């Protein structure tokens, strides 16, 4: 589904060239649950941004379902990003005045979709929040807020869900519950889920762990 061929991302800071990604080759199949691991500055967040079409490579090719993303216009890439990808972040990014249902409806409003309430309610049911639809963020625990964020990413029916440190703001038990939700989505809906994490305990929930250092992949292992 995803294929990177010698993908690089270089930045210039003053007179120095920063190699955030350095000729990365990577293939991810549909329905895989993958962790991208590494310390700060390893390139894992840059890789996530390129995979989600939030950034573009300075070298190499990015193929999504056989299509060369690099050949798309900015508008076409934005449309692809909004329909093919769902995003989950560490900070939830919920709007305080909105209920859980309204939060999940929001991407559908931007798309001009119909039947928004039904689809948003179904997404909240999927993550186990059917009884919390009218609650605002201040009335929800951290784990419940992250589940709202997951439901919001799911409501557009993405083919790939990208999660950047999705458990970073949660305690251990709640983080494990969120990871179980993600693992269930992979198993039952066939969504490709890619998470960025520096925690081995979180990566253990996935099927495959990719380790990065200095902009390169240094290990790519199946998780027992």
C-alpha atoms as a PDB file:
ATOM      1  CA  UNK A   1       0.000   0.000   0.000  1.00  0.00           C
ATOM      2  CA  UNK A   2       2.826   2.375   0.957  1.00  0.00           C
ATOM      3  CA  UNK A   3       6.242   2.340  -0.647  1.00  0.00           C
ATOM      4  CA  UNK A   4       9.117   4.741  -0.114  1.00  0.00           C
ATOM      5  CA  UNK A   5      12.035   4.539  -2.507  1.00  0.00           C
ATOM      6  CA  UNK A   6      15.225   6.268  -1.304  1.00  0.00           C
ATOM      7  CA  UNK A   7      13.168   9.055   0.276  1.00  0.00           C
ATOM      8  CA  UNK A   8      15.157  11.926   1.775  1.00  0.00           C
ATOM      9  CA  UNK A   9      14.170  15.116   3.556  1.00  0.00           C
ATOM     10  CA  UNK A  10      16.899  17.722   3.970  1.00  0.00           C
ATOM     11  CA  UNK A  11      16.717  21.118   5.634  1.00  0.00           C
ATOM     12  CA  UNK A  12      19.181  23.962   5.535  1.00  0.00           C
ATOM     13  CA  UNK A  13      19.907  25.663   8.847  1.00  0.00           C
ATOM     14  CA  UNK A  14      22.367  28.483   8.339  1.00  0.00           C
ATOM     15  CA  UNK A  15      25.211  26.950   6.361  1.00  0.00           C
ATOM     16  CA  UNK A  16      24.454  23.408   7.525  1.00  0.00           C
ATOM     17  CA  UNK A  17      22.343  20.768   5.805  1.00  0.00           C
ATOM     18  CA  UNK A  18      20.200  18.739   8.219  1.00  0.00           C
ATOM     19  CA  UNK A  19      19.407  15.261   6.921  1.00  0.00           C
ATOM     20  CA  UNK A  20      16.107  14.558   8.690  1.00  0.00           C
ATOM     21  CA  UNK A  21      15.587  11.544   6.398  1.00  0.00           C
ATOM     22  CA  UNK A  22      18.426   9.967   4.492  1.00  0.00           C
ATOM     23  CA  UNK A  23      17.524   7.666   1.556  1.00  0.00           C
ATOM     24  CA  UNK A  24      14.822   5.687   3.383  1.00  0.00           C
ATOM     25  CA  UNK A  25      13.357   2.589   1.732  1.00  0.00           C
ATOM     26  CA  UNK A  26      10.131   1.305   3.288  1.00  0.00           C
ATOM     27  CA  UNK A  27       7.111  -0.795   2.329  1.00  0.00           C
ATOM     28  CA  UNK A  28       3.940  -1.100   4.420  1.00  0.00           C
ATOM     29  CA  UNK A  29       1.125  -3.418   3.389  1.00  0.00           C
ATOM     30  CA  UNK A  30      -2.578  -2.720   3.759  1.00  0.00           C
ATOM     31  CA  UNK A  31      -3.875  -3.764   7.166  1.00  0.00           C
ATOM     32  CA  UNK A  32      -0.511  -3.658   8.938  1.00  0.00           C
ATOM     33  CA  UNK A  33      -0.100  -2.260  12.458  1.00  0.00           C
ATOM     34  CA  UNK A  34       3.310  -0.570  12.517  1.00  0.00           C
ATOM     35  CA  UNK A  35       5.314   1.319  15.148  1.00  0.00           C
ATOM     36  CA  UNK A  36       7.984   3.826  14.142  1.00  0.00           C
ATOM     37  CA  UNK A  37      10.454   4.193  16.998  1.00  0.00           C
ATOM     38  CA  UNK A  38      13.464   6.342  17.774  1.00  0.00           C
ATOM     39  CA  UNK A  39      14.824   9.033  20.017  1.00  0.00           C
ATOM     40  CA  UNK A  40      14.195  12.737  19.464  1.00  0.00           C
ATOM     41  CA  UNK A  41      15.852  13.797  16.216  1.00  0.00           C
ATOM     42  CA  UNK A  42      15.872  10.291  14.754  1.00  0.00           C
ATOM     43  CA  UNK A  43      13.570  11.274  11.874  1.00  0.00           C
ATOM     44  CA  UNK A  44      10.450   9.421  12.964  1.00  0.00           C
ATOM     45  CA  UNK A  45       8.181  12.487  13.015  1.00  0.00           C
ATOM     46  CA  UNK A  46       9.525  13.665   9.657  1.00  0.00           C
ATOM     47  CA  UNK A  47       8.762  10.234   8.243  1.00  0.00           C
ATOM     48  CA  UNK A  48       5.241  10.392   9.679  1.00  0.00           C
ATOM     49  CA  UNK A  49       4.663  13.815   8.116  1.00  0.00           C
ATOM     50  CA  UNK A  50       5.754  12.587   4.695  1.00  0.00           C
ATOM     51  CA  UNK A  51       3.594   9.467   4.934  1.00  0.00           C
ATOM     52  CA  UNK A  52       0.581  11.656   5.782  1.00  0.00           C
ATOM     53  CA  UNK A  53       1.273  14.139   2.965  1.00  0.00           C
ATOM     54  CA  UNK A  54       1.872  16.901   5.520  1.00  0.00           C
ATOM     55  CA  UNK A  55       5.378  17.331   4.105  1.00  0.00           C
ATOM     56  CA  UNK A  56       7.102  16.292   0.900  1.00  0.00           C
ATOM     57  CA  UNK A  57      10.474  14.645   0.245  1.00  0.00           C
ATOM     58  CA  UNK A  58      13.436  16.490  -1.194  1.00  0.00           C
ATOM     59  CA  UNK A  59      14.527  13.268  -2.877  1.00  0.00           C
ATOM     60  CA  UNK A  60      13.192   9.821  -3.764  1.00  0.00           C
ATOM     61  CA  UNK A  61       9.655   8.621  -4.503  1.00  0.00           C
ATOM     62  CA  UNK A  62       6.580   8.058  -2.338  1.00  0.00           C
ATOM     63  CA  UNK A  63       4.062   5.650  -3.838  1.00  0.00           C
ATOM     64  CA  UNK A  64       0.615   5.253  -2.292  1.00  0.00           C
ATOM     65  CA  UNK A  65      -1.331   2.347  -3.767  1.00  0.00           C
ATOM     66  CA  UNK A  66       0.945   2.596  -6.789  1.00  0.00           C
ATOM     67  CA  UNK A  67       0.410   6.319  -7.361  1.00  0.00           C
ATOM     68  CA  UNK A  68       3.377   8.689  -7.194  1.00  0.00           C
ATOM     69  CA  UNK A  69       2.412  11.241  -4.533  1.00  0.00           C
ATOM     70  CA  UNK A  70       5.253  13.528  -5.610  1.00  0.00           C
ATOM     71  CA  UNK A  71       3.560  14.169  -8.948  1.00  0.00           C
ATOM     72  CA  UNK A  72       0.372  15.499  -7.369  1.00  0.00           C
ATOM     73  CA  UNK A  73      -0.409  19.203  -7.205  1.00  0.00           C
ATOM     74  CA  UNK A  74      -0.764  20.844  -3.786  1.00  0.00           C
ATOM     75  CA  UNK A  75      -4.570  20.754  -4.108  1.00  0.00           C
ATOM     76  CA  UNK A  76      -4.605  17.110  -5.147  1.00  0.00           C
ATOM     77  CA  UNK A  77      -2.297  16.208  -2.267  1.00  0.00           C
ATOM     78  CA  UNK A  78      -4.590  18.041   0.162  1.00  0.00           C
ATOM     79  CA  UNK A  79      -7.608  16.127  -1.137  1.00  0.00           C
ATOM     80  CA  UNK A  80      -5.711  12.866  -0.792  1.00  0.00           C
ATOM     81  CA  UNK A  81      -4.696  13.771   2.746  1.00  0.00           C
ATOM     82  CA  UNK A  82      -8.269  14.539   3.794  1.00  0.00           C
ATOM     83  CA  UNK A  83      -9.755  11.340   2.366  1.00  0.00           C
ATOM     84  CA  UNK A  84      -7.065   8.677   2.626  1.00  0.00           C
ATOM     85  CA  UNK A  85      -5.613   9.526   6.046  1.00  0.00           C
ATOM     86  CA  UNK A  86      -6.820   9.917   9.594  1.00  0.00           C
ATOM     87  CA  UNK A  87      -4.608  11.661  12.156  1.00  0.00           C
ATOM     88  CA  UNK A  88      -4.378  11.210  15.918  1.00  0.00           C
ATOM     89  CA  UNK A  89      -2.091  13.406  18.022  1.00  0.00           C
ATOM     90  CA  UNK A  90      -0.793  13.304  21.573  1.00  0.00           C
ATOM     91  CA  UNK A  91      -2.635  16.499  22.555  1.00  0.00           C
ATOM     92  CA  UNK A  92      -6.120  15.336  21.338  1.00  0.00           C
ATOM     93  CA  UNK A  93      -6.807  18.761  19.679  1.00  0.00           C
ATOM     94  CA  UNK A  94     -10.420  18.853  20.839  1.00  0.00           C
ATOM     95  CA  UNK A  95     -12.477  22.059  20.855  1.00  0.00           C
ATOM     96  CA  UNK A  96     -13.594  22.828  24.447  1.00  0.00           C
ATOM     97  CA  UNK A  97     -17.103  24.063  23.632  1.00  0.00           C
ATOM     98  CA  UNK A  98     -18.044  21.101  21.425  1.00  0.00           C
ATOM     99  CA  UNK A  99     -19.563  17.802  22.471  1.00  0.00           C
ATOM    100  CA  UNK A 100     -17.915  14.529  21.508  1.00  0.00           C
ATOM    101  CA  UNK A 101     -20.494  14.088  18.736  1.00  0.00           C
ATOM    102  CA  UNK A 102     -19.833  17.558  17.342  1.00  0.00           C
ATOM    103  CA  UNK A 103     -16.060  16.990  17.454  1.00  0.00           C
ATOM    104  CA  UNK A 104     -16.398  13.835  15.366  1.00  0.00           C
ATOM    105  CA  UNK A 105     -18.799  15.473  12.929  1.00  0.00           C
ATOM    106  CA  UNK A 106     -16.328  18.262  12.164  1.00  0.00           C
ATOM    107  CA  UNK A 107     -14.323  16.543   9.375  1.00  0.00           C
ATOM    108  CA  UNK A 108     -17.609  15.656   7.675  1.00  0.00           C
ATOM    109  CA  UNK A 109     -18.693  19.305   7.826  1.00  0.00           C
ATOM    110  CA  UNK A 110     -15.505  20.280   5.990  1.00  0.00           C
ATOM    111  CA  UNK A 111     -16.210  17.606   3.380  1.00  0.00           C
ATOM    112  CA  UNK A 112     -19.823  18.726   2.956  1.00  0.00           C
ATOM    113  CA  UNK A 113     -20.959  15.181   3.762  1.00  0.00           C
ATOM    114  CA  UNK A 114     -24.523  14.205   4.532  1.00  0.00           C
ATOM    115  CA  UNK A 115     -25.840  12.112   7.404  1.00  0.00           C
ATOM    116  CA  UNK A 116     -23.121  13.494   9.625  1.00  0.00           C
ATOM    117  CA  UNK A 117     -24.719  12.762  12.988  1.00  0.00           C
ATOM    118  CA  UNK A 118     -25.336   9.100  12.185  1.00  0.00           C
ATOM    119  CA  UNK A 119     -21.788   8.563  10.943  1.00  0.00           C
ATOM    120  CA  UNK A 120     -20.261  10.394  13.902  1.00  0.00           C
ATOM    121  CA  UNK A 121     -22.372   8.406  16.366  1.00  0.00           C
ATOM    122  CA  UNK A 122     -21.291   5.149  14.700  1.00  0.00           C
ATOM    123  CA  UNK A 123     -17.624   6.158  14.995  1.00  0.00           C
ATOM    124  CA  UNK A 124     -18.052   6.925  18.692  1.00  0.00           C
ATOM    125  CA  UNK A 125     -19.753   3.566  19.196  1.00  0.00           C
ATOM    126  CA  UNK A 126     -16.752   1.907  17.541  1.00  0.00           C
ATOM    127  CA  UNK A 127     -14.385   3.322  20.179  1.00  0.00           C
ATOM    128  CA  UNK A 128     -16.741   2.545  23.072  1.00  0.00           C
ATOM    129  CA  UNK A 129     -18.095   6.048  23.710  1.00  0.00           C
ATOM    130  CA  UNK A 130     -21.722   5.557  22.728  1.00  0.00           C
ATOM    131  CA  UNK A 131     -22.815   6.771  26.162  1.00  0.00           C
ATOM    132  CA  UNK A 132     -20.596   9.884  26.115  1.00  0.00           C
ATOM    133  CA  UNK A 133     -21.664  11.526  22.858  1.00  0.00           C
ATOM    134  CA  UNK A 134     -23.051  14.689  24.495  1.00  0.00           C
ATOM    135  CA  UNK A 135     -20.104  15.180  26.840  1.00  0.00           C
ATOM    136  CA  UNK A 136     -17.614  18.001  26.347  1.00  0.00           C
ATOM    137  CA  UNK A 137     -13.847  17.477  26.773  1.00  0.00           C
ATOM    138  CA  UNK A 138     -13.857  18.734  30.384  1.00  0.00           C
ATOM    139  CA  UNK A 139     -16.371  15.990  31.206  1.00  0.00           C
ATOM    140  CA  UNK A 140     -14.162  13.236  29.762  1.00  0.00           C
ATOM    141  CA  UNK A 141     -11.030  11.529  31.034  1.00  0.00           C
ATOM    142  CA  UNK A 142      -7.788  11.729  29.069  1.00  0.00           C
ATOM    143  CA  UNK A 143      -8.334   8.266  27.630  1.00  0.00           C
ATOM    144  CA  UNK A 144     -11.882   9.137  26.610  1.00  0.00           C
ATOM    145  CA  UNK A 145     -10.691  12.339  24.944  1.00  0.00           C
ATOM    146  CA  UNK A 146      -8.145  10.347  22.940  1.00  0.00           C
ATOM    147  CA  UNK A 147     -10.906   7.944  21.906  1.00  0.00           C
ATOM    148  CA  UNK A 148     -12.910  10.929  20.648  1.00  0.00           C
ATOM    149  CA  UNK A 149      -9.855  11.949  18.625  1.00  0.00           C
ATOM    150  CA  UNK A 150      -9.616   8.425  17.202  1.00  0.00           C
ATOM    151  CA  UNK A 151     -13.315   8.453  16.314  1.00  0.00           C
ATOM    152  CA  UNK A 152     -12.843  11.829  14.609  1.00  0.00           C
ATOM    153  CA  UNK A 153     -10.074  10.337  12.480  1.00  0.00           C
ATOM    154  CA  UNK A 154     -12.179   7.275  11.640  1.00  0.00           C
ATOM    155  CA  UNK A 155     -15.342   9.062  10.580  1.00  0.00           C
ATOM    156  CA  UNK A 156     -13.889   9.920   7.151  1.00  0.00           C
ATOM    157  CA  UNK A 157     -13.244   6.185   6.616  1.00  0.00           C
ATOM    158  CA  UNK A 158      -9.487   6.542   6.056  1.00  0.00           C
ATOM    159  CA  UNK A 159      -7.349   3.821   4.558  1.00  0.00           C
ATOM    160  CA  UNK A 160      -4.438   4.772   6.808  1.00  0.00           C
ATOM    161  CA  UNK A 161      -4.519   6.050  10.384  1.00  0.00           C
ATOM    162  CA  UNK A 162      -1.412   7.909  11.568  1.00  0.00           C
ATOM    163  CA  UNK A 163      -0.960   8.387  15.309  1.00  0.00           C
ATOM    164  CA  UNK A 164       1.870  10.545  16.681  1.00  0.00           C
ATOM    165  CA  UNK A 165       2.632   9.543  20.312  1.00  0.00           C
ATOM    166  CA  UNK A 166      -1.073   8.723  20.909  1.00  0.00           C
ATOM    167  CA  UNK A 167      -0.446   7.595  24.498  1.00  0.00           C
ATOM    168  CA  UNK A 168       2.176  10.183  25.438  1.00  0.00           C
ATOM    169  CA  UNK A 169      -0.173  12.182  27.692  1.00  0.00           C
ATOM    170  CA  UNK A 170      -1.813   9.140  29.286  1.00  0.00           C
ATOM    171  CA  UNK A 171      -1.013   6.929  32.261  1.00  0.00           C
ATOM    172  CA  UNK A 172       0.106   3.359  31.572  1.00  0.00           C
ATOM    173  CA  UNK A 173      -3.261   1.662  31.983  1.00  0.00           C
ATOM    174  CA  UNK A 174      -5.156   4.225  29.909  1.00  0.00           C
ATOM    175  CA  UNK A 175      -2.471   4.121  27.225  1.00  0.00           C
ATOM    176  CA  UNK A 176      -2.869   0.361  26.976  1.00  0.00           C
ATOM    177  CA  UNK A 177      -6.625   0.771  26.594  1.00  0.00           C
ATOM    178  CA  UNK A 178      -6.113   3.211  23.709  1.00  0.00           C
ATOM    179  CA  UNK A 179      -3.688   0.786  22.049  1.00  0.00           C
ATOM    180  CA  UNK A 180      -6.259  -1.991  22.364  1.00  0.00           C
ATOM    181  CA  UNK A 181      -8.743   0.229  20.524  1.00  0.00           C
ATOM    182  CA  UNK A 182      -6.236   0.752  17.716  1.00  0.00           C
ATOM    183  CA  UNK A 183      -5.372  -2.937  17.547  1.00  0.00           C
ATOM    184  CA  UNK A 184      -9.066  -3.831  17.324  1.00  0.00           C
ATOM    185  CA  UNK A 185      -9.483  -1.413  14.399  1.00  0.00           C
ATOM    186  CA  UNK A 186      -6.691  -3.167  12.537  1.00  0.00           C
ATOM    187  CA  UNK A 187      -8.135  -6.607  13.228  1.00  0.00           C
ATOM    188  CA  UNK A 188     -11.790  -5.865  12.529  1.00  0.00           C
ATOM    189  CA  UNK A 189     -11.697  -3.118   9.875  1.00  0.00           C
ATOM    190  CA  UNK A 190      -8.446  -3.745   8.055  1.00  0.00           C
ATOM    191  CA  UNK A 191      -7.216  -0.189   8.513  1.00  0.00           C
ATOM    192  CA  UNK A 192      -3.485   0.372   8.210  1.00  0.00           C
ATOM    193  CA  UNK A 193      -2.346   1.947  11.491  1.00  0.00           C
ATOM    194  CA  UNK A 194       1.070   3.577  11.875  1.00  0.00           C
ATOM    195  CA  UNK A 195       2.098   5.010  15.232  1.00  0.00           C
ATOM    196  CA  UNK A 196       5.126   7.029  16.301  1.00  0.00           C
ATOM    197  CA  UNK A 197       6.349   6.133  19.778  1.00  0.00           C
ATOM    198  CA  UNK A 198       9.523   5.937  21.831  1.00  0.00           C
ATOM    199  CA  UNK A 199       8.010   3.431  24.284  1.00  0.00           C
ATOM    200  CA  UNK A 200       8.762  -0.287  23.734  1.00  0.00           C
ATOM    201  CA  UNK A 201       5.688  -1.197  25.815  1.00  0.00           C
ATOM    202  CA  UNK A 202       3.470   0.645  23.340  1.00  0.00           C
ATOM    203  CA  UNK A 203       5.247  -0.758  20.278  1.00  0.00           C
ATOM    204  CA  UNK A 204       4.589  -4.240  21.697  1.00  0.00           C
ATOM    205  CA  UNK A 205       0.903  -3.831  20.771  1.00  0.00           C
ATOM    206  CA  UNK A 206       1.800  -3.581  17.069  1.00  0.00           C
ATOM    207  CA  UNK A 207       2.801  -6.214  14.515  1.00  0.00           C
ATOM    208  CA  UNK A 208       6.010  -4.551  13.344  1.00  0.00           C
ATOM    209  CA  UNK A 209       8.541  -2.159  14.855  1.00  0.00           C
ATOM    210  CA  UNK A 210      10.683   0.097  12.673  1.00  0.00           C
ATOM    211  CA  UNK A 211      13.580   1.732  14.516  1.00  0.00           C
ATOM    212  CA  UNK A 212      15.185   4.933  13.274  1.00  0.00           C
ATOM    213  CA  UNK A 213      18.425   6.726  14.017  1.00  0.00           C
ATOM    214  CA  UNK A 214      19.921   9.787  12.338  1.00  0.00           C
ATOM    215  CA  UNK A 215      17.309   9.788   9.586  1.00  0.00           C
ATOM    216  CA  UNK A 216      17.773   6.140   8.648  1.00  0.00           C
ATOM    217  CA  UNK A 217      15.993   2.883   9.390  1.00  0.00           C
ATOM    218  CA  UNK A 218      18.360   0.772  11.498  1.00  0.00           C
ATOM    219  CA  UNK A 219      15.970  -2.103  12.326  1.00  0.00           C
ATOM    220  CA  UNK A 220      12.698  -3.465  10.969  1.00  0.00           C
ATOM    221  CA  UNK A 221      11.378  -6.359  13.029  1.00  0.00           C
ATOM    222  CA  UNK A 222       8.203  -8.342  13.507  1.00  0.00           C
ATOM    223  CA  UNK A 223       6.761  -8.005  16.998  1.00  0.00           C
ATOM    224  CA  UNK A 224       6.214 -11.289  18.831  1.00  0.00           C
END
